[in-house]
Protein backbone atom coordinates (compact mmCIF):
# COMPACT_ATOMS: atom_id res chain seq x y z
CA MET A 1 -8.94 -35.05 -6.32
CA ALA A 2 -11.04 -31.98 -7.04
CA PHE A 3 -10.03 -29.02 -9.17
CA ALA A 4 -11.63 -25.60 -9.43
CA SER A 5 -10.91 -23.59 -12.55
CA ILE A 6 -11.41 -19.81 -12.56
CA HIS A 7 -11.81 -18.05 -15.90
CA VAL A 8 -12.12 -14.30 -16.53
CA PRO A 9 -14.28 -13.81 -19.65
CA HIS A 10 -13.31 -10.88 -21.90
CA PHE A 11 -10.12 -10.56 -19.88
CA MET A 12 -8.64 -7.58 -21.74
CA VAL A 13 -11.88 -5.63 -21.38
CA GLN A 14 -12.21 -6.48 -17.67
CA ALA A 15 -8.64 -5.33 -17.05
CA VAL A 16 -9.54 -1.87 -18.36
CA VAL A 17 -12.96 -1.80 -16.67
CA ARG A 18 -11.32 -2.76 -13.36
CA ALA A 19 -9.54 0.61 -13.43
CA GLU A 20 -12.75 2.43 -14.47
CA PRO A 21 -15.65 0.95 -12.45
CA PRO A 22 -18.31 3.18 -14.12
CA LEU A 23 -17.79 1.15 -17.32
CA CYS A 24 -19.02 -2.08 -15.71
CA SER A 25 -22.58 -1.67 -17.00
CA GLN A 26 -21.66 -0.28 -20.43
CA ALA A 27 -20.64 -1.68 -23.78
CA VAL A 28 -16.86 -1.46 -24.12
CA ALA A 29 -14.55 -2.17 -27.07
CA LEU A 30 -10.75 -2.08 -27.00
CA VAL A 31 -8.57 -0.97 -29.90
CA ASP A 32 -4.89 -1.60 -30.48
CA GLY A 33 -2.39 -1.18 -33.24
CA THR A 34 0.14 1.22 -34.69
CA PRO A 35 -1.16 4.75 -35.32
CA PRO A 36 -2.96 5.65 -37.46
CA ILE A 37 -4.16 2.05 -37.89
CA TRP A 38 -6.28 1.08 -34.88
CA ASN A 39 -8.43 -2.05 -34.86
CA VAL A 40 -10.81 -3.63 -32.36
CA VAL A 41 -9.01 -6.41 -30.49
CA ALA A 42 -11.53 -7.11 -27.71
CA ALA A 43 -15.11 -6.30 -26.74
CA ASN A 44 -17.52 -7.36 -24.04
CA GLN A 45 -20.82 -9.09 -24.69
CA ALA A 46 -22.82 -5.84 -24.71
CA ALA A 47 -20.53 -4.36 -27.37
CA LEU A 48 -20.77 -7.49 -29.51
CA GLN A 49 -24.55 -7.41 -29.33
CA ALA A 50 -24.45 -3.74 -30.39
CA GLY A 51 -22.67 -4.75 -33.61
CA ILE A 52 -18.98 -4.46 -32.79
CA GLU A 53 -16.81 -7.06 -34.53
CA TRP A 54 -13.21 -8.08 -33.98
CA GLY A 55 -10.82 -6.47 -36.45
CA MET A 56 -13.16 -3.53 -37.08
CA ALA A 57 -11.38 -0.21 -37.60
CA LYS A 58 -11.52 2.34 -34.82
CA SER A 59 -13.27 4.84 -37.08
CA GLN A 60 -16.04 2.30 -37.73
CA ALA A 61 -16.35 1.39 -34.05
CA ALA A 62 -16.61 5.07 -33.11
CA GLN A 63 -19.88 5.27 -35.07
CA PHE A 64 -21.56 3.12 -32.39
CA ARG A 65 -22.40 5.86 -29.91
CA ALA A 66 -23.59 3.37 -27.28
CA VAL A 67 -20.14 1.73 -27.19
CA GLU A 68 -17.24 3.15 -25.16
CA ILE A 69 -13.92 2.94 -27.00
CA ARG A 70 -10.75 2.47 -24.97
CA ASN A 71 -7.14 1.65 -25.79
CA ARG A 72 -5.82 -1.75 -24.79
CA SER A 73 -3.66 -1.54 -21.65
CA ARG A 74 -1.10 -4.28 -21.15
CA VAL A 75 -0.12 -2.70 -17.85
CA GLN A 76 -3.64 -3.10 -16.48
CA GLU A 77 -3.78 -6.64 -17.86
CA LYS A 78 -0.66 -7.43 -15.84
CA SER A 79 -2.27 -6.01 -12.70
CA ALA A 80 -5.51 -7.92 -13.33
CA HIS A 81 -3.58 -11.17 -13.75
CA ALA A 82 -1.72 -10.52 -10.48
CA ALA A 83 -5.09 -9.96 -8.78
CA LEU A 84 -6.31 -13.28 -10.23
CA LEU A 85 -3.31 -15.04 -8.70
CA ASP A 86 -4.01 -13.36 -5.37
CA LEU A 87 -7.57 -14.68 -5.58
CA GLY A 88 -6.34 -18.24 -6.01
CA ALA A 89 -3.76 -17.94 -3.23
CA SER A 90 -6.47 -16.75 -0.82
CA VAL A 91 -8.20 -20.15 -1.05
CA SER A 92 -5.66 -22.83 -1.92
CA PRO A 93 -1.85 -23.03 -1.73
CA HIS A 94 -1.82 -25.40 -4.75
CA MET A 95 -2.46 -23.35 -7.87
CA GLU A 96 -1.63 -23.48 -11.57
CA ASP A 97 -1.08 -20.30 -13.59
CA THR A 98 -2.66 -21.68 -16.76
CA ALA A 99 -3.20 -18.53 -18.84
CA PRO A 100 -3.50 -14.76 -18.34
CA ASP A 101 -7.27 -15.20 -17.97
CA ALA A 102 -7.42 -18.58 -16.18
CA ILE A 103 -6.03 -20.41 -13.16
CA VAL A 104 -6.70 -23.85 -11.68
CA LEU A 105 -6.83 -24.66 -7.96
CA ASP A 106 -6.51 -27.94 -6.12
CA ILE A 107 -9.38 -27.76 -3.61
CA SER A 108 -8.99 -31.26 -2.19
CA GLY A 109 -9.51 -31.21 1.57
CA LEU A 110 -10.91 -27.65 1.67
CA THR A 111 -14.49 -28.76 2.34
CA SER A 112 -13.80 -28.87 6.08
CA LEU A 113 -12.85 -25.17 5.92
CA PHE A 114 -15.26 -23.74 3.33
CA GLY A 115 -17.98 -26.38 3.14
CA SER A 116 -19.15 -28.01 -0.08
CA ASP A 117 -17.65 -27.45 -3.54
CA GLU A 118 -20.53 -25.13 -4.33
CA ASN A 119 -19.72 -22.98 -1.30
CA ILE A 120 -16.10 -22.84 -2.39
CA SER A 121 -17.20 -21.67 -5.83
CA TRP A 122 -19.40 -18.96 -4.34
CA GLN A 123 -16.52 -17.84 -2.14
CA LEU A 124 -14.29 -17.55 -5.21
CA MET A 125 -16.85 -15.47 -7.09
CA GLN A 126 -17.43 -13.12 -4.14
CA ARG A 127 -13.72 -12.59 -3.55
CA ALA A 128 -13.19 -11.99 -7.26
CA GLY A 129 -15.88 -9.32 -7.16
CA ARG A 130 -14.02 -7.51 -4.37
CA LEU A 131 -10.93 -7.56 -6.60
CA GLY A 132 -12.90 -6.01 -9.46
CA LEU A 133 -13.20 -9.18 -11.56
CA PHE A 134 -16.21 -11.11 -12.84
CA VAL A 135 -15.29 -14.77 -13.15
CA GLN A 136 -16.69 -18.13 -14.20
CA VAL A 137 -15.95 -21.14 -11.98
CA ALA A 138 -16.08 -24.85 -12.79
CA VAL A 139 -15.32 -27.75 -10.43
CA SER A 140 -14.41 -31.26 -11.60
CA SER A 141 -12.23 -34.19 -10.65
CA ASN A 142 -10.51 -33.79 -14.05
CA LEU A 143 -8.27 -30.76 -14.43
CA GLU A 144 -8.79 -30.27 -18.18
CA VAL A 145 -12.55 -30.69 -17.86
CA ALA A 146 -12.74 -28.02 -15.16
CA LEU A 147 -10.55 -25.69 -17.24
CA HIS A 148 -12.63 -25.89 -20.42
CA ALA A 149 -15.95 -25.91 -18.60
CA ALA A 150 -15.00 -22.63 -16.92
CA ARG A 151 -14.21 -21.16 -20.32
CA GLY A 152 -17.43 -22.29 -21.91
CA PHE A 153 -20.14 -22.05 -19.22
CA SER A 154 -21.11 -18.92 -17.32
CA GLY A 155 -21.57 -18.79 -13.56
CA ILE A 156 -20.78 -21.87 -11.48
CA THR A 157 -20.52 -25.33 -13.03
CA LEU A 158 -20.25 -28.48 -10.88
CA ILE A 159 -19.37 -31.64 -12.81
CA PRO A 160 -19.88 -34.95 -10.91
CA PRO A 161 -17.31 -37.73 -11.48
CA GLY A 162 -18.17 -39.90 -14.48
CA GLU A 163 -20.31 -37.23 -16.21
CA GLU A 164 -17.48 -35.28 -17.81
CA ALA A 165 -18.33 -36.22 -21.41
CA LYS A 166 -22.04 -35.49 -20.88
CA CYS A 167 -21.38 -32.04 -19.43
CA LEU A 168 -18.83 -31.13 -22.08
CA GLY A 169 -21.11 -32.28 -24.90
CA LYS A 170 -22.96 -28.92 -24.96
CA LEU A 171 -19.71 -26.97 -24.99
CA SER A 172 -18.63 -25.16 -28.15
CA VAL A 173 -15.53 -26.46 -29.88
CA ARG A 174 -14.02 -22.97 -29.62
CA ALA A 175 -13.63 -23.48 -25.84
CA LEU A 176 -10.99 -26.16 -26.57
CA LEU A 177 -8.85 -23.45 -28.24
CA PRO A 178 -8.08 -25.27 -31.51
CA SER A 179 -5.94 -23.64 -34.17
CA LEU A 180 -7.69 -21.44 -36.72
CA GLU A 181 -7.09 -23.96 -39.51
CA ILE A 182 -8.55 -26.90 -37.57
CA LEU A 183 -11.49 -24.76 -36.44
CA GLU A 184 -12.36 -23.93 -40.06
CA THR A 185 -12.09 -27.61 -40.96
CA LEU A 186 -14.42 -28.66 -38.13
CA GLU A 187 -16.95 -26.00 -39.15
CA ARG A 188 -16.94 -27.30 -42.73
CA TRP A 189 -17.67 -30.76 -41.34
CA GLY A 190 -20.52 -29.33 -39.27
CA VAL A 191 -18.80 -30.11 -35.95
CA ARG A 192 -19.65 -27.23 -33.61
CA ASP A 193 -19.83 -28.77 -30.14
CA CYS A 194 -17.82 -31.28 -28.13
CA ALA A 195 -20.49 -33.99 -28.43
CA ALA A 196 -20.15 -33.98 -32.23
CA LEU A 197 -16.35 -33.97 -31.99
CA ALA A 198 -16.32 -36.87 -29.49
CA ALA A 199 -18.58 -38.91 -31.82
CA LEU A 200 -16.04 -38.83 -34.69
CA PRO A 201 -13.98 -41.99 -35.20
CA LEU A 202 -10.56 -41.50 -33.65
CA LEU A 203 -8.54 -43.30 -36.37
CA GLN A 204 -9.98 -41.30 -39.28
CA LEU A 205 -9.71 -38.07 -37.25
CA SER A 206 -6.03 -38.79 -36.61
CA GLU A 207 -5.41 -39.38 -40.32
CA ARG A 208 -6.92 -36.01 -41.26
CA LEU A 209 -5.95 -33.73 -38.37
CA GLY A 210 -2.91 -35.48 -36.88
CA GLN A 211 -1.96 -35.48 -33.21
CA GLU A 212 -3.74 -32.18 -32.64
CA GLY A 213 -6.98 -33.85 -33.68
CA VAL A 214 -6.35 -36.71 -31.23
CA ARG A 215 -5.75 -34.20 -28.40
CA LEU A 216 -8.96 -32.34 -29.18
CA HIS A 217 -10.86 -35.63 -29.28
CA GLU A 218 -9.59 -36.54 -25.79
CA LEU A 219 -10.53 -33.13 -24.46
CA ALA A 220 -14.03 -33.39 -25.93
CA ARG A 221 -14.57 -36.75 -24.22
CA GLY A 222 -13.10 -35.55 -20.90
CA ALA A 223 -10.51 -38.31 -21.07
CA ARG A 224 -7.32 -36.26 -21.07
CA ILE A 225 -5.51 -36.39 -17.72
CA ARG A 226 -2.51 -34.36 -16.62
CA ALA A 227 -0.95 -33.18 -13.36
CA LEU A 228 -1.23 -29.73 -11.87
CA VAL A 229 1.75 -27.48 -12.64
CA LEU A 230 2.24 -25.58 -9.40
CA ALA A 231 2.82 -21.83 -9.50
CA GLN A 232 3.87 -19.52 -6.69
CA PRO A 233 2.20 -16.09 -6.69
CA GLY A 234 4.57 -13.18 -6.36
CA VAL A 235 4.82 -10.92 -3.34
CA ARG A 236 4.99 -7.72 -5.39
CA PHE A 237 1.86 -5.61 -5.07
CA GLU A 238 1.82 -2.90 -7.70
CA GLU A 239 -0.90 -1.04 -9.58
CA GLU A 240 -0.31 1.19 -12.60
CA MET A 241 -2.45 3.57 -14.59
CA ALA A 242 -1.46 5.36 -17.80
CA LEU A 243 -3.47 8.54 -18.31
CA ASP A 244 -4.84 9.69 -21.65
CA PHE A 245 -4.58 13.32 -20.51
CA ALA A 246 -2.10 14.87 -18.09
CA VAL A 247 -3.41 15.63 -14.58
CA ALA A 248 -2.06 18.65 -12.72
CA GLU A 249 -4.65 19.25 -9.96
CA LEU A 250 -4.79 17.42 -6.64
CA GLU A 251 -8.54 16.68 -6.66
CA PRO A 252 -8.68 14.63 -9.90
CA LEU A 253 -5.39 13.00 -8.94
CA SER A 254 -6.87 11.97 -5.57
CA PHE A 255 -9.78 10.34 -7.39
CA LEU A 256 -7.37 8.20 -9.43
CA LEU A 257 -5.19 7.40 -6.41
CA GLY A 258 -8.28 6.24 -4.52
CA ARG A 259 -9.05 3.68 -7.23
CA LEU A 260 -5.52 2.28 -7.23
CA LEU A 261 -5.40 2.14 -3.44
CA ASP A 262 -8.71 0.27 -3.33
CA GLN A 263 -7.27 -2.32 -5.72
CA LEU A 264 -4.01 -2.60 -3.77
CA CYS A 265 -5.78 -3.03 -0.43
CA ALA A 266 -8.20 -5.60 -1.89
CA ARG A 267 -5.25 -7.65 -3.13
CA LEU A 268 -3.51 -7.38 0.23
CA GLU A 269 -6.68 -8.47 2.03
CA ALA A 270 -7.00 -11.49 -0.27
CA ARG A 271 -3.51 -12.58 0.83
CA ALA A 272 -4.12 -11.74 4.53
CA LEU A 273 -1.43 -9.06 4.37
CA ALA A 274 -1.16 -5.33 5.01
CA ALA A 275 1.06 -2.52 3.75
CA CYS A 276 3.92 -1.15 5.83
CA ALA A 277 4.92 1.38 3.17
CA ILE A 278 3.41 2.85 0.00
CA ARG A 279 5.75 3.85 -2.83
CA THR A 280 4.46 6.46 -5.25
CA ARG A 281 5.93 7.15 -8.67
CA PHE A 282 4.63 9.60 -11.28
CA ASP A 283 5.83 9.98 -14.85
CA LEU A 284 5.67 13.71 -15.51
CA GLU A 285 4.83 15.69 -18.59
CA ASP A 286 7.47 17.77 -20.36
CA SER A 287 6.97 21.44 -19.57
CA PHE A 288 9.11 24.19 -21.04
CA GLU A 289 8.29 26.60 -18.22
CA LYS A 290 9.31 24.07 -15.55
CA LYS A 291 12.07 22.36 -17.48
CA PHE A 292 14.77 23.95 -15.30
CA ARG A 293 14.76 24.25 -11.56
CA ILE A 294 17.05 26.20 -9.24
CA LEU A 295 18.30 24.31 -6.21
CA SER A 296 19.68 27.38 -4.42
CA GLU A 297 20.65 30.95 -5.10
CA ASN A 298 24.29 30.18 -5.85
CA SER A 299 23.80 26.90 -7.76
CA PRO A 300 23.23 26.85 -11.52
CA PRO A 301 19.84 25.72 -12.85
CA GLN A 302 19.47 21.97 -13.47
CA LEU A 303 17.16 19.92 -15.61
CA ALA A 304 14.04 18.95 -13.72
CA SER A 305 13.43 15.24 -13.27
CA LYS A 306 10.77 13.60 -15.41
CA THR A 307 9.72 11.35 -12.53
CA TYR A 308 8.36 12.01 -9.07
CA GLU A 309 9.01 9.42 -6.36
CA LYS A 310 7.97 9.40 -2.73
CA VAL A 311 7.76 6.77 0.01
CA LEU A 312 4.99 6.86 2.61
CA ALA A 313 6.30 4.89 5.60
CA LEU A 314 3.66 3.68 8.06
CA PRO A 315 4.18 3.07 11.78
CA ILE A 316 2.05 -0.08 11.66
CA PRO A 317 0.92 -2.22 8.70
CA THR A 318 -2.55 -1.30 7.45
CA ARG A 319 -4.85 -1.90 4.50
CA ASN A 320 -7.28 0.95 5.11
CA SER A 321 -7.45 2.55 1.67
CA LYS A 322 -9.28 5.68 2.84
CA MET A 323 -6.70 6.41 5.51
CA LEU A 324 -3.85 5.80 3.04
CA LEU A 325 -5.45 8.20 0.57
CA LYS A 326 -5.60 10.95 3.20
CA LEU A 327 -1.94 10.42 4.06
CA LEU A 328 -0.96 10.53 0.38
CA ARG A 329 -2.93 13.75 -0.07
CA LEU A 330 -1.08 15.34 2.84
CA GLN A 331 2.24 14.20 1.39
CA LEU A 332 1.40 15.63 -2.04
CA GLN A 333 0.24 18.91 -0.53
CA ALA A 334 3.56 19.29 1.28
CA ASN A 335 5.69 18.19 -1.70
CA PRO A 336 3.71 18.53 -4.96
CA PRO A 337 5.17 17.36 -8.31
CA HIS A 338 6.61 20.13 -10.47
CA ALA A 339 4.71 19.13 -13.63
CA ALA A 340 1.51 17.43 -14.78
CA ILE A 341 1.24 13.65 -14.36
CA LEU A 342 1.02 11.18 -17.24
CA LYS A 343 1.38 7.85 -15.43
CA ILE A 344 0.75 6.66 -11.87
CA ILE A 345 2.52 3.71 -10.25
CA LEU A 346 1.63 2.66 -6.70
CA SER A 347 3.34 -0.23 -4.96
CA ALA A 348 2.89 -1.60 -1.46
CA GLU A 349 5.48 -3.31 0.72
CA PRO A 350 3.62 -6.26 2.28
CA ALA A 351 3.78 -7.13 5.96
CA SER A 352 1.74 -9.12 8.44
CA PRO A 353 -1.16 -7.09 9.84
CA ARG A 354 -0.97 -5.90 13.43
CA ALA A 355 -2.88 -8.00 15.94
CA SER A 356 -3.84 -6.35 19.20
CA GLN A 357 -5.72 -7.73 22.15
CA GLY A 358 -8.01 -5.31 23.95
CA GLY A 359 -8.64 -5.51 27.65
CA LEU A 360 -12.11 -5.60 29.17
CA PHE A 361 -11.10 -3.46 32.16
CA LEU A 362 -8.53 -1.26 30.40
CA PRO A 363 -9.31 2.23 29.08
CA SER A 364 -9.57 2.48 25.31
CA CYS A 365 -6.61 4.18 23.66
CA PRO A 366 -6.60 6.13 20.37
CA ASP A 367 -6.37 4.09 17.22
CA THR A 368 -2.79 4.04 15.92
CA GLU A 369 -3.97 4.54 12.33
CA LYS A 370 -5.87 7.70 13.29
CA LEU A 371 -2.86 8.89 15.26
CA GLU A 372 -0.69 8.58 12.14
CA LEU A 373 -3.23 10.64 10.19
CA THR A 374 -3.16 13.32 12.90
CA ILE A 375 0.65 13.38 12.82
CA GLY A 376 0.53 13.72 9.03
CA ARG A 377 -1.78 16.71 9.29
CA LEU A 378 0.45 18.35 11.89
CA ALA A 379 3.52 17.74 9.71
CA ASN A 380 1.71 19.36 6.80
CA LEU A 381 1.08 22.47 8.90
CA LEU A 382 4.34 22.70 10.87
CA GLY A 383 6.82 20.86 8.64
CA ASN A 384 8.26 17.36 8.88
CA THR A 385 11.23 18.54 10.96
CA ASN A 386 8.96 19.86 13.71
CA VAL A 387 6.79 16.77 14.29
CA GLY A 388 7.90 13.36 15.54
CA SER A 389 9.89 11.85 18.39
CA PRO A 390 12.94 13.71 19.75
CA GLU A 391 16.21 11.89 19.23
CA LEU A 392 19.57 12.85 20.71
CA ILE A 393 22.45 13.57 18.33
CA ASP A 394 25.97 12.26 18.82
CA THR A 395 27.48 15.66 19.66
CA HIS A 396 28.79 17.65 22.63
CA ARG A 397 26.47 20.59 21.92
CA PRO A 398 24.19 20.88 24.96
CA GLY A 399 20.53 20.16 24.32
CA ASP A 400 20.99 19.38 20.62
CA PHE A 401 18.46 16.92 19.15
CA ARG A 402 16.54 16.10 16.01
CA MET A 403 13.03 14.96 15.25
CA ALA A 404 12.75 11.34 14.16
CA ARG A 405 9.71 9.59 12.78
CA PHE A 406 7.22 8.58 15.45
CA ALA A 407 6.89 4.82 15.90
CA PRO A 408 4.50 3.43 18.54
CA VAL A 409 5.83 0.90 21.02
CA SER A 410 4.55 -2.62 20.47
CA ASP A 411 2.44 -4.28 23.12
CA GLU A 412 5.12 -6.90 23.78
CA SER A 413 7.76 -4.29 24.60
CA LYS A 414 5.50 -2.72 27.24
CA ILE A 415 5.56 -5.90 29.36
CA PRO A 416 8.48 -5.68 31.83
CA GLN A 417 10.80 -8.64 31.98
CA LYS A 418 11.22 -10.61 35.17
CA ASN A 419 14.64 -9.11 35.99
CA GLU A 420 13.47 -5.57 35.25
CA THR A 421 10.42 -5.98 37.51
CA ALA A 422 12.52 -7.29 40.35
CA ALA A 423 15.05 -4.45 40.03
CA ALA A 424 12.28 -1.83 40.00
CA HIS A 425 10.64 -3.11 43.19
CA SER A 426 13.67 -4.27 45.14
CA PRO A 427 15.23 -1.94 47.74
CA GLY A 428 18.55 -2.11 45.95
CA GLY A 429 17.09 -1.28 42.53
CA THR A 430 18.62 1.57 40.55
CA LEU A 431 16.66 4.83 40.74
CA ARG A 432 16.53 6.92 37.58
CA THR A 433 16.34 10.72 37.63
CA ALA A 434 14.67 12.58 34.80
CA PHE A 435 15.75 15.99 33.53
CA ARG A 436 12.98 18.36 32.41
CA VAL A 437 14.40 20.69 29.74
CA PHE A 438 13.09 24.23 29.37
CA ARG A 439 12.49 25.00 25.69
CA PRO A 440 13.37 27.68 25.01
CA GLU A 441 15.82 28.20 27.84
CA ILE A 442 14.78 30.77 30.44
CA GLU A 443 16.90 33.89 30.81
CA ALA A 444 17.92 34.45 34.43
CA LYS A 445 19.79 36.89 36.66
CA VAL A 446 22.38 35.37 38.96
CA GLU A 447 24.27 36.96 41.86
CA LEU A 448 27.81 35.70 42.44
CA GLN A 449 29.97 35.67 45.53
CA GLN A 450 33.58 34.62 45.06
CA ASN A 451 32.66 33.34 41.57
CA TYR A 452 29.95 31.08 43.01
CA PRO A 453 26.22 31.63 42.33
CA THR A 454 24.31 32.51 45.50
CA ARG A 455 20.96 33.99 44.37
CA ILE A 456 18.90 33.63 41.21
CA TYR A 457 15.94 35.44 39.69
CA PHE A 458 13.85 34.11 36.76
CA ARG A 459 10.20 33.82 35.83
CA GLY A 460 9.36 36.47 38.38
CA MET A 461 10.69 34.35 41.25
CA ARG A 462 13.69 34.89 43.53
CA GLY A 463 15.51 32.08 45.22
CA ASN A 464 18.56 31.27 47.28
CA ILE A 465 21.11 28.82 45.93
CA VAL A 466 21.90 26.59 48.90
CA ALA A 467 24.26 24.25 47.03
CA ALA A 468 26.14 24.53 43.74
CA SER A 469 28.38 22.24 41.73
CA GLY A 470 30.45 23.43 38.81
CA PRO A 471 31.39 25.03 36.58
CA TRP A 472 31.71 22.66 33.60
CA ARG A 473 32.93 24.55 30.57
CA THR A 474 31.95 23.35 27.09
CA SER A 475 32.59 24.91 23.71
CA GLY A 476 32.62 23.86 20.11
CA ASP A 477 31.80 24.51 16.47
CA TRP A 478 33.94 27.65 16.51
CA TRP A 479 33.96 27.67 12.70
CA ARG A 480 30.16 28.02 12.51
CA GLU A 481 27.91 30.99 13.12
CA ASP A 482 26.10 29.14 15.94
CA ALA A 483 29.22 28.29 17.96
CA TRP A 484 28.80 27.89 21.72
CA GLN A 485 30.87 28.55 24.86
CA GLN A 486 29.10 27.88 28.14
CA ASP A 487 29.80 27.35 31.85
CA GLU A 488 27.26 24.97 33.39
CA TRP A 489 26.27 24.72 37.04
CA GLU A 490 23.99 22.36 38.92
CA VAL A 491 22.36 24.21 41.77
CA GLU A 492 19.80 23.55 44.49
CA ILE A 493 17.34 26.43 44.73
CA ARG A 494 14.88 27.35 47.47
CA PHE A 495 12.50 30.03 46.26
CA ASP A 496 11.24 32.89 48.41
CA SER A 497 7.58 32.86 49.40
CA VAL A 498 5.47 35.54 47.67
CA SER A 499 2.24 37.29 48.58
CA GLY A 500 -1.04 36.28 46.98
CA GLN A 501 -1.33 39.47 44.90
CA SER A 502 2.17 39.20 43.44
CA GLN A 503 1.70 35.50 42.74
CA LYS A 504 -1.37 36.23 40.61
CA ILE A 505 0.49 38.61 38.30
CA SER A 506 3.65 36.55 38.08
CA SER A 507 4.38 33.39 36.11
CA PRO A 508 3.47 29.95 37.56
CA ARG A 509 5.36 29.31 40.79
CA MET A 510 8.62 27.38 40.38
CA GLN A 511 9.24 24.45 42.67
CA ASP A 512 12.20 24.06 44.97
CA GLY A 513 14.69 21.56 43.69
CA ILE A 514 17.85 20.97 41.67
CA TYR A 515 18.26 23.00 38.49
CA ARG A 516 20.88 23.30 35.80
CA ILE A 517 21.93 26.82 34.88
CA TYR A 518 24.68 28.09 32.60
CA TYR A 519 26.49 31.28 31.63
CA ASP A 520 26.75 31.90 27.87
CA SER A 521 30.05 33.72 27.28
CA LEU A 522 29.15 34.68 23.71
CA ARG A 523 25.86 36.29 24.73
CA ALA A 524 27.11 37.41 28.16
CA ALA A 525 23.96 36.22 29.90
CA TRP A 526 22.71 33.57 32.34
CA PHE A 527 20.05 30.98 31.44
CA ALA A 528 18.17 28.15 33.17
CA ARG A 529 18.40 24.96 31.13
CA GLY A 530 16.10 22.67 33.10
CA ARG A 531 15.13 20.98 36.34
CA TYR A 532 15.74 17.50 37.75
CA ASP A 533 12.60 15.53 38.65
């Protein structure tokens, strides 16, 4: 058995720094408490070297100008812990959620995939860096030894079997996490490292410190053995950020959204997943001017919502943070929040990434992700109801349709089935006729003989109607302003030949064929609806 323990030193500080990357190289101290009493609860090594101490008042810590003061964020700690679990799941399916700042992995049998234990440790540190975390890794055949070695030693620590006590001997007793009372007792005895604690007689230590002393003695000797408590990482990918000051402009908001999207996509990549939808939620600031909103002219004013929620649905799963940011910007430009933003919550719906096989002799097609961005820009200019895929509506109104969201056809659906291929190429296969609709419909002049159309004129062309079928009368929605009452005909038209000069000044020449025309009784006019191909 081999176990790899991953520890995040100064976890609370790293959770805040993860959301503010510029703080990585600076001294940072976190304060927490009930206003107006704020005390330092965590600090990184640079802040401690500058003179910051735990429990120091915020007013005292503010006197250290080289130290950045931030409020503790339990929300960001939750996100950082979720990222730590994603890190473990990216390497081994057997993982223990030991503490908010530590996990343990069973890496037995992974050497054939990643190489040696040292290579596995380097892989863990590199992947943690992409998730915005700086970690310490220790590998040992004993779970408890690996756990405490990761807490006490920086970088990568490899402990060979049988040398657990020797390696732990230089470790501080604080890494064993004793109670405050026992720690003070050990310091009075002059016991400050595990070697000194392991050298104490077990019987006398048990008489003075009880079972807790026996447990610490076993840990110091590397003799305590226990099984791995398996944990299953969640499938909820969410990042939150509480803002100290309200944000009302799109540019600073985009900067914050970019950070959260980078973190979300890094977590998805660690789990070999992608996002099929991004859910955005903003907690909004109270604003007296925008407290009421009017839904329509006749409706009374209503209280404006204190939250803003939108869903960005994607045609294909992706984890391209830059492309997602552009789509979110377009969505916010089209539907901006009605007040300044105090809190940002982004969540991703995970899905398996799209796998596509390119062909060596096939022409390259546009990237689907770029196509979605282009559609988003068009929707921002023209409106969401004017961009997409046309979809017929269950109604008798001729030519009525709506615009649905565009979804590309998968590669598998493009491959014809065996029966479909045979029907398409067999002599008895069904032939399909397409109808090309004119939008908008073309106004026409029609000559009738005995209530049958005989000649037609539209788009500068005259033609003889050699065959006609109809009429088919349709009407409906009489209670609405856009009611319709039409008589439809299907006619075969042969257009007259025109001279070269007249053809230049006229519209593009219409082709002979079968057309559908109709007479609108409400408008008292003829129109051409389309042509059969």
